[in-house]
Amino acid sequence: MILGALNVDIKQLNKEKLEAFYLKSEELFLEYKPVIIFENINDFLDEIKNQGKTVNILSNTGFIKGRTMRKFLIQEELDQYIGFHIYYEGTPTNVREVFAKYDIANDASFKGHVAMVMGVFYKRNGEWKFNAIGGATSDRKLEQTIQTVQANYL
């Protein structure tokens, strides 16, 4: 995102230099970490987990890679609370990869539903694949959602 804001075409950059930039950005990010301002975050996340609910991240990490955010969560011992991670890397004008896009605000099939099956990860020929689904569901518990996925998408 920073490079995009500076009008740098990353496709034209030397891949080794670009990776060195990302590594240095990661090093600085982890050295000067964001401050978690919610004092009882672990207690709060424990409470959510104990209710049988999950916490998920769908994020445009912007100036860092998703792997860096994951390292931060591990260092802060918050990764144990996160059930599902999706990180978008790129800028609105320079999208490197989009796995799925859902317009839940304007799609009538989502009205009245409380959850969504975003997609299914599976392994084929030794490679991980992602099948975007975007299925609205009224499932309120993980067990129900698993049954929905097994019945309708596998």
C-alpha atoms as a PDB file:
ATOM      1  CA  MET A   1       0.000   0.000   0.000  1.00  0.00           C
ATOM      2  CA  ILE A   2       2.843   2.409   0.803  1.00  0.00           C
ATOM      3  CA  LEU A   3       4.556   1.664  -2.486  1.00  0.00           C
ATOM      4  CA  GLY A   4       1.259   2.069  -4.322  1.00  0.00           C
ATOM      5  CA  ALA A   5       0.650   5.416  -2.614  1.00  0.00           C
ATOM      6  CA  LEU A   6       4.086   6.478  -3.838  1.00  0.00           C
ATOM      7  CA  ASN A   7       3.058   5.475  -7.374  1.00  0.00           C
ATOM      8  CA  VAL A   8       5.666   2.714  -7.458  1.00  0.00           C
ATOM      9  CA  ASP A   9       4.826  -0.068  -9.904  1.00  0.00           C
ATOM     10  CA  ILE A  10       5.875  -3.115  -7.898  1.00  0.00           C
ATOM     11  CA  LYS A  11       5.781  -5.267 -11.035  1.00  0.00           C
ATOM     12  CA  GLN A  12       8.790  -3.289 -12.241  1.00  0.00           C
ATOM     13  CA  LEU A  13      10.792  -3.763  -9.040  1.00  0.00           C
ATOM     14  CA  ASN A  14      13.544  -6.277  -8.559  1.00  0.00           C
ATOM     15  CA  LYS A  15      11.952  -9.179  -6.663  1.00  0.00           C
ATOM     16  CA  GLU A  16      14.921  -9.539  -4.295  1.00  0.00           C
ATOM     17  CA  LYS A  17      14.827  -5.834  -3.435  1.00  0.00           C
ATOM     18  CA  LEU A  18      11.072  -5.958  -2.941  1.00  0.00           C
ATOM     19  CA  GLU A  19      11.403  -8.937  -0.595  1.00  0.00           C
ATOM     20  CA  ALA A  20      14.191  -7.118   1.269  1.00  0.00           C
ATOM     21  CA  PHE A  21      11.813  -4.156   1.644  1.00  0.00           C
ATOM     22  CA  TYR A  22       9.089  -6.409   3.051  1.00  0.00           C
ATOM     23  CA  LEU A  23      11.528  -8.090   5.447  1.00  0.00           C
ATOM     24  CA  LYS A  24      12.765  -4.712   6.717  1.00  0.00           C
ATOM     25  CA  SER A  25       9.164  -3.505   7.069  1.00  0.00           C
ATOM     26  CA  GLU A  26       8.369  -6.633   9.054  1.00  0.00           C
ATOM     27  CA  GLU A  27      11.431  -6.184  11.251  1.00  0.00           C
ATOM     28  CA  LEU A  28      10.452  -2.589  12.042  1.00  0.00           C
ATOM     29  CA  PHE A  29       6.795  -3.478  12.597  1.00  0.00           C
ATOM     30  CA  LEU A  30       7.700  -6.206  15.086  1.00  0.00           C
ATOM     31  CA  GLU A  31      10.273  -3.997  16.810  1.00  0.00           C
ATOM     32  CA  TYR A  32       7.863  -1.044  17.148  1.00  0.00           C
ATOM     33  CA  LYS A  33       4.666  -3.033  17.623  1.00  0.00           C
ATOM     34  CA  PRO A  34       1.210  -1.514  17.793  1.00  0.00           C
ATOM     35  CA  VAL A  35       0.012  -0.987  21.331  1.00  0.00           C
ATOM     36  CA  ILE A  36      -2.986  -3.066  22.308  1.00  0.00           C
ATOM     37  CA  ILE A  37      -5.143  -0.524  24.111  1.00  0.00           C
ATOM     38  CA  PHE A  38      -7.777  -2.970  25.364  1.00  0.00           C
ATOM     39  CA  GLU A  39      -6.297  -3.917  28.746  1.00  0.00           C
ATOM     40  CA  ASN A  40      -8.189  -7.178  29.224  1.00  0.00           C
ATOM     41  CA  ILE A  41      -8.047  -8.448  25.639  1.00  0.00           C
ATOM     42  CA  ASN A  42      -7.151 -12.031  26.637  1.00  0.00           C
ATOM     43  CA  ASP A  43     -10.023 -12.226  29.149  1.00  0.00           C
ATOM     44  CA  PHE A  44     -12.406 -10.785  26.555  1.00  0.00           C
ATOM     45  CA  LEU A  45     -11.289 -13.258  23.870  1.00  0.00           C
ATOM     46  CA  ASP A  46     -11.426 -16.145  26.377  1.00  0.00           C
ATOM     47  CA  GLU A  47     -15.024 -15.210  27.124  1.00  0.00           C
ATOM     48  CA  ILE A  48     -15.915 -15.268  23.425  1.00  0.00           C
ATOM     49  CA  LYS A  49     -14.163 -18.613  22.961  1.00  0.00           C
ATOM     50  CA  ASN A  50     -15.876 -20.106  26.038  1.00  0.00           C
ATOM     51  CA  GLN A  51     -19.265 -19.148  24.578  1.00  0.00           C
ATOM     52  CA  GLY A  52     -18.492 -21.365  21.579  1.00  0.00           C
ATOM     53  CA  LYS A  53     -18.001 -18.379  19.292  1.00  0.00           C
ATOM     54  CA  THR A  54     -15.019 -17.619  17.086  1.00  0.00           C
ATOM     55  CA  VAL A  55     -12.990 -14.540  16.307  1.00  0.00           C
ATOM     56  CA  ASN A  56     -11.927 -14.162  12.691  1.00  0.00           C
ATOM     57  CA  ILE A  57      -9.772 -11.665  10.816  1.00  0.00           C
ATOM     58  CA  LEU A  58     -10.526 -10.301   7.379  1.00  0.00           C
ATOM     59  CA  SER A  59      -8.044  -7.494   6.901  1.00  0.00           C
ATOM     60  CA  ASN A  60      -6.401  -5.236   4.401  1.00  0.00           C
ATOM     61  CA  THR A  61      -3.065  -5.238   6.152  1.00  0.00           C
ATOM     62  CA  GLY A  62      -2.007  -2.337   3.953  1.00  0.00           C
ATOM     63  CA  PHE A  63       1.603  -1.655   4.778  1.00  0.00           C
ATOM     64  CA  ILE A  64       2.594  -5.123   6.007  1.00  0.00           C
ATOM     65  CA  LYS A  65       2.164  -8.631   4.707  1.00  0.00           C
ATOM     66  CA  GLY A  66      -0.346 -11.001   6.245  1.00  0.00           C
ATOM     67  CA  ARG A  67       2.534 -13.186   7.457  1.00  0.00           C
ATOM     68  CA  THR A  68       3.784 -10.236   9.523  1.00  0.00           C
ATOM     69  CA  MET A  69       0.380  -9.762  11.143  1.00  0.00           C
ATOM     70  CA  ARG A  70       0.343 -13.474  11.946  1.00  0.00           C
ATOM     71  CA  LYS A  71       3.786 -13.216  13.606  1.00  0.00           C
ATOM     72  CA  PHE A  72       2.543 -10.262  15.646  1.00  0.00           C
ATOM     73  CA  LEU A  73      -0.493 -12.221  16.832  1.00  0.00           C
ATOM     74  CA  ILE A  74       1.746 -15.145  17.810  1.00  0.00           C
ATOM     75  CA  GLN A  75       4.163 -12.892  19.714  1.00  0.00           C
ATOM     76  CA  GLU A  76       1.270 -11.303  21.577  1.00  0.00           C
ATOM     77  CA  GLU A  77      -0.215 -14.765  22.234  1.00  0.00           C
ATOM     78  CA  LEU A  78      -3.433 -13.770  20.485  1.00  0.00           C
ATOM     79  CA  ASP A  79      -3.258 -16.305  17.656  1.00  0.00           C
ATOM     80  CA  GLN A  80      -4.922 -18.962  19.837  1.00  0.00           C
ATOM     81  CA  TYR A  81      -8.155 -16.944  19.689  1.00  0.00           C
ATOM     82  CA  ILE A  82      -8.304 -16.450  15.928  1.00  0.00           C
ATOM     83  CA  GLY A  83     -10.242 -19.094  14.057  1.00  0.00           C
ATOM     84  CA  PHE A  84      -9.888 -17.862  10.484  1.00  0.00           C
ATOM     85  CA  HIS A  85      -7.498 -15.404   8.860  1.00  0.00           C
ATOM     86  CA  ILE A  86      -7.810 -13.714   5.466  1.00  0.00           C
ATOM     87  CA  TYR A  87      -5.380 -10.945   4.633  1.00  0.00           C
ATOM     88  CA  TYR A  88      -5.697  -8.794   1.540  1.00  0.00           C
ATOM     89  CA  GLU A  89      -2.401  -7.564   0.179  1.00  0.00           C
ATOM     90  CA  GLY A  90      -2.233  -4.871  -2.436  1.00  0.00           C
ATOM     91  CA  THR A  91      -4.016  -1.610  -3.047  1.00  0.00           C
ATOM     92  CA  PRO A  92      -7.411  -0.882  -4.598  1.00  0.00           C
ATOM     93  CA  THR A  93      -5.644   0.056  -7.841  1.00  0.00           C
ATOM     94  CA  ASN A  94      -2.960  -2.639  -7.677  1.00  0.00           C
ATOM     95  CA  VAL A  95      -4.607  -5.824  -6.468  1.00  0.00           C
ATOM     96  CA  ARG A  96      -2.184  -8.708  -6.574  1.00  0.00           C
ATOM     97  CA  GLU A  97      -4.714 -11.427  -5.858  1.00  0.00           C
ATOM     98  CA  VAL A  98      -8.365 -11.659  -4.860  1.00  0.00           C
ATOM     99  CA  PHE A  99      -9.621 -15.007  -3.635  1.00  0.00           C
ATOM    100  CA  ALA A 100     -13.232 -13.965  -3.279  1.00  0.00           C
ATOM    101  CA  LYS A 101     -15.396 -10.876  -3.163  1.00  0.00           C
ATOM    102  CA  TYR A 102     -18.800 -10.704  -1.517  1.00  0.00           C
ATOM    103  CA  ASP A 103     -21.242  -7.797  -1.449  1.00  0.00           C
ATOM    104  CA  ILE A 104     -23.220  -8.811   1.624  1.00  0.00           C
ATOM    105  CA  ALA A 105     -24.649  -5.320   2.096  1.00  0.00           C
ATOM    106  CA  ASN A 106     -26.426  -5.318  -1.275  1.00  0.00           C
ATOM    107  CA  ASP A 107     -26.988  -9.020  -1.972  1.00  0.00           C
ATOM    108  CA  ALA A 108     -30.566  -9.930  -0.989  1.00  0.00           C
ATOM    109  CA  SER A 109     -29.625 -13.567  -0.328  1.00  0.00           C
ATOM    110  CA  PHE A 110     -27.810 -12.429   2.832  1.00  0.00           C
ATOM    111  CA  LYS A 111     -30.807 -10.588   4.325  1.00  0.00           C
ATOM    112  CA  GLY A 112     -31.837 -12.116   7.637  1.00  0.00           C
ATOM    113  CA  HIS A 113     -28.856 -14.458   7.835  1.00  0.00           C
ATOM    114  CA  VAL A 114     -26.263 -14.348  10.594  1.00  0.00           C
ATOM    115  CA  ALA A 115     -23.279 -16.130   9.046  1.00  0.00           C
ATOM    116  CA  MET A 116     -21.608 -16.905   5.764  1.00  0.00           C
ATOM    117  CA  VAL A 117     -19.650 -19.826   4.374  1.00  0.00           C
ATOM    118  CA  MET A 118     -16.906 -17.836   2.672  1.00  0.00           C
ATOM    119  CA  GLY A 119     -15.286 -20.790   1.006  1.00  0.00           C
ATOM    120  CA  VAL A 120     -13.656 -24.170   1.382  1.00  0.00           C
ATOM    121  CA  PHE A 121      -9.942 -24.909   1.494  1.00  0.00           C
ATOM    122  CA  TYR A 122      -8.975 -28.306   0.130  1.00  0.00           C
ATOM    123  CA  LYS A 123      -5.872 -30.128  -1.040  1.00  0.00           C
ATOM    124  CA  ARG A 124      -5.568 -31.527  -4.570  1.00  0.00           C
ATOM    125  CA  ASN A 125      -2.414 -33.065  -6.038  1.00  0.00           C
ATOM    126  CA  GLY A 126      -0.407 -31.870  -3.043  1.00  0.00           C
ATOM    127  CA  GLU A 127      -1.510 -28.235  -3.469  1.00  0.00           C
ATOM    128  CA  TRP A 128      -3.911 -26.247  -1.327  1.00  0.00           C
ATOM    129  CA  LYS A 129      -6.851 -24.749  -3.212  1.00  0.00           C
ATOM    130  CA  PHE A 130      -9.630 -22.352  -2.234  1.00  0.00           C
ATOM    131  CA  ASN A 131     -13.162 -22.628  -3.558  1.00  0.00           C
ATOM    132  CA  ALA A 132     -15.118 -19.405  -3.002  1.00  0.00           C
ATOM    133  CA  ILE A 133     -18.700 -20.095  -1.936  1.00  0.00           C
ATOM    134  CA  GLY A 134     -20.279 -17.024  -0.344  1.00  0.00           C
ATOM    135  CA  GLY A 135     -23.239 -18.984   0.989  1.00  0.00           C
ATOM    136  CA  ALA A 136     -25.519 -17.213   3.475  1.00  0.00           C
ATOM    137  CA  THR A 137     -26.585 -19.294   6.451  1.00  0.00           C
ATOM    138  CA  SER A 138     -28.508 -18.890   9.676  1.00  0.00           C
ATOM    139  CA  ASP A 139     -26.160 -21.224  11.570  1.00  0.00           C
ATOM    140  CA  ARG A 140     -25.301 -19.830  14.981  1.00  0.00           C
ATOM    141  CA  LYS A 141     -22.840 -22.508  16.083  1.00  0.00           C
ATOM    142  CA  LEU A 142     -19.726 -23.899  14.473  1.00  0.00           C
ATOM    143  CA  GLU A 143     -21.131 -27.432  14.596  1.00  0.00           C
ATOM    144  CA  GLN A 144     -24.143 -26.299  12.560  1.00  0.00           C
ATOM    145  CA  THR A 145     -21.931 -24.580  10.005  1.00  0.00           C
ATOM    146  CA  ILE A 146     -19.763 -27.693   9.650  1.00  0.00           C
ATOM    147  CA  GLN A 147     -22.902 -29.730   8.952  1.00  0.00           C
ATOM    148  CA  THR A 148     -24.032 -27.141   6.387  1.00  0.00           C
ATOM    149  CA  VAL A 149     -20.672 -27.258   4.621  1.00  0.00           C
ATOM    150  CA  GLN A 150     -20.628 -31.075   4.612  1.00  0.00           C
ATOM    151  CA  ALA A 151     -24.174 -31.275   3.299  1.00  0.00           C
ATOM    152  CA  ASN A 152     -23.985 -28.565   0.649  1.00  0.00           C
ATOM    153  CA  TYR A 153     -20.406 -27.881  -0.387  1.00  0.00           C
ATOM    154  CA  LEU A 154     -18.290 -31.039  -0.123  1.00  0.00           C
END
